[in-house]
C-alpha atoms as a PDB file:
ATOM      1  CA  MET A   1     -29.060   2.393  -2.967  1.00  0.00           C
ATOM      2  CA  SER A   2     -31.373   4.202  -4.902  1.00  0.00           C
ATOM      3  CA  ARG A   3     -31.168   4.622  -8.504  1.00  0.00           C
ATOM      4  CA  GLY A   4     -28.881   7.425  -9.760  1.00  0.00           C
ATOM      5  CA  ARG A   5     -27.212   7.754  -6.183  1.00  0.00           C
ATOM      6  CA  ARG A   6     -23.464   7.318  -5.963  1.00  0.00           C
ATOM      7  CA  PRO A   7     -21.367   5.488  -3.250  1.00  0.00           C
ATOM      8  CA  ARG A   8     -19.348   7.834  -1.609  1.00  0.00           C
ATOM      9  CA  ALA A   9     -15.799   6.136  -0.663  1.00  0.00           C
ATOM     10  CA  GLY A  10     -15.160   6.534   3.120  1.00  0.00           C
ATOM     11  CA  ARG A  11     -18.583   5.895   4.184  1.00  0.00           C
ATOM     12  CA  ALA A  12     -19.292   2.003   3.738  1.00  0.00           C
ATOM     13  CA  SER A  13     -16.153   1.437   1.727  1.00  0.00           C
ATOM     14  CA  SER A  14     -12.494   2.486   1.302  1.00  0.00           C
ATOM     15  CA  LEU A  15     -11.180   2.880  -1.986  1.00  0.00           C
ATOM     16  CA  THR A  16      -7.230   2.411  -2.084  1.00  0.00           C
ATOM     17  CA  ALA A  17      -4.557   2.726  -4.664  1.00  0.00           C
ATOM     18  CA  VAL A  18      -0.731   1.441  -4.616  1.00  0.00           C
ATOM     19  CA  GLY A  19       1.534   4.469  -5.069  1.00  0.00           C
ATOM     20  CA  PRO A  20       2.984   7.289  -3.575  1.00  0.00           C
ATOM     21  CA  ALA A  21       0.682   9.762  -0.998  1.00  0.00           C
ATOM     22  CA  PRO A  22       1.589  12.697  -3.374  1.00  0.00           C
ATOM     23  CA  VAL A  23      -0.180  11.129  -6.148  1.00  0.00           C
ATOM     24  CA  ALA A  24      -3.064   9.836  -4.806  1.00  0.00           C
ATOM     25  CA  ALA A  25      -3.511  13.626  -2.752  1.00  0.00           C
ATOM     26  CA  SER A  26      -3.966  14.762  -6.489  1.00  0.00           C
ATOM     27  CA  ALA A  27      -6.542  12.483  -7.580  1.00  0.00           C
ATOM     28  CA  ARG A  28     -10.057  14.219  -8.094  1.00  0.00           C
ATOM     29  CA  VAL A  29     -11.671  11.409  -6.044  1.00  0.00           C
ATOM     30  CA  PRO A  30     -10.160  10.837  -2.321  1.00  0.00           C
ATOM     31  CA  VAL A  31      -8.122   7.771  -2.389  1.00  0.00           C
ATOM     32  CA  THR A  32      -6.293   6.235   0.494  1.00  0.00           C
ATOM     33  CA  PRO A  33      -2.548   5.102  -0.707  1.00  0.00           C
ATOM     34  CA  VAL A  34      -0.539   2.556   0.252  1.00  0.00           C
ATOM     35  CA  ALA A  35       3.015   3.513  -0.327  1.00  0.00           C
ATOM     36  CA  VAL A  36       5.433   1.115  -2.216  1.00  0.00           C
ATOM     37  CA  PRO A  37       8.875   1.067  -0.371  1.00  0.00           C
ATOM     38  CA  SER A  38      11.465   1.998  -3.273  1.00  0.00           C
ATOM     39  CA  ALA A  39      14.796   1.510  -2.085  1.00  0.00           C
ATOM     40  CA  GLU A  40      13.833  -1.409   0.795  1.00  0.00           C
ATOM     41  CA  PRO A  41      13.536  -4.228  -1.841  1.00  0.00           C
ATOM     42  CA  GLY A  42      16.748  -3.490  -3.431  1.00  0.00           C
ATOM     43  CA  THR A  43      18.583  -3.069   0.008  1.00  0.00           C
ATOM     44  CA  ARG A  44      17.203  -6.241   0.986  1.00  0.00           C
ATOM     45  CA  ALA A  45      17.933  -7.922  -2.193  1.00  0.00           C
ATOM     46  CA  VAL A  46      21.941  -7.191  -2.043  1.00  0.00           C
ATOM     47  CA  ARG A  47      21.957  -8.398   1.442  1.00  0.00           C
ATOM     48  CA  LEU A  48      20.604 -11.657   0.399  1.00  0.00           C
ATOM     49  CA  LEU A  49      23.115 -11.926  -2.525  1.00  0.00           C
ATOM     50  CA  VAL A  50      25.978 -11.264   0.171  1.00  0.00           C
ATOM     51  CA  ARG A  51      24.604 -13.951   2.240  1.00  0.00           C
ATOM     52  CA  GLY A  52      23.806 -16.627  -0.067  1.00  0.00           C
ATOM     53  CA  PRO A  53      27.356 -17.446  -1.423  1.00  0.00           C
ATOM     54  CA  SER A  54      28.474 -17.814   2.573  1.00  0.00           C
ATOM     55  CA  GLY A  55      26.333 -20.616   3.118  1.00  0.00           C
ATOM     56  CA  ALA A  56      23.951 -18.676   5.398  1.00  0.00           C
ATOM     57  CA  PRO A  57      20.016 -19.305   5.133  1.00  0.00           C
ATOM     58  CA  VAL A  58      18.342 -17.414   2.498  1.00  0.00           C
ATOM     59  CA  PRO A  59      14.169 -16.715   2.997  1.00  0.00           C
ATOM     60  CA  GLY A  60      12.257 -18.038   0.041  1.00  0.00           C
ATOM     61  CA  ALA A  61      10.498 -14.934   0.166  1.00  0.00           C
ATOM     62  CA  THR A  62      10.293 -11.425   2.188  1.00  0.00           C
ATOM     63  CA  LEU A  63       7.514  -9.839   2.724  1.00  0.00           C
ATOM     64  CA  LEU A  64       7.353  -5.681   3.310  1.00  0.00           C
ATOM     65  CA  PRO A  65       4.954  -3.986   5.272  1.00  0.00           C
ATOM     66  CA  PRO A  66       2.145  -2.046   3.437  1.00  0.00           C
ATOM     67  CA  ARG A  67       2.368   1.738   4.851  1.00  0.00           C
ATOM     68  CA  PRO A  68      -1.351   2.992   4.021  1.00  0.00           C
ATOM     69  CA  THR A  69      -2.266   6.869   4.562  1.00  0.00           C
ATOM     70  CA  GLN A  70      -5.495   7.118   5.861  1.00  0.00           C
ATOM     71  CA  ARG A  71      -7.790  10.005   3.776  1.00  0.00           C
ATOM     72  CA  ALA A  72     -11.335  10.957   3.369  1.00  0.00           C
ATOM     73  CA  SER A  73     -11.660   7.381   1.602  1.00  0.00           C
ATOM     74  CA  THR A  74     -11.033   5.423   4.283  1.00  0.00           C
ATOM     75  CA  ALA A  75     -13.871   3.818   5.825  1.00  0.00           C
ATOM     76  CA  PRO A  76     -14.179   3.515   9.680  1.00  0.00           C
ATOM     77  CA  ARG A  77     -13.351   0.515  10.850  1.00  0.00           C
ATOM     78  CA  GLY A  78     -15.896  -2.193  11.700  1.00  0.00           C
ATOM     79  CA  LEU A  79     -18.306  -1.195   9.199  1.00  0.00           C
END
């Protein structure tokens, strides 16, 4: 890249942030948001607590799938 030129998100790279899509949409630069589920972790935690005393096996970790929203800062696949 030549001196004085800025890289542009969405061409050769993606700019991502963890947070709600409306906040990313209001950013000065294009940002690809990855939503954080707010209610789901609590719901799963209560289910595990209720299952725990009964002797049912409880997982050591629970992974939630990321929920990205593609925007102008999302680079094409394969770059």
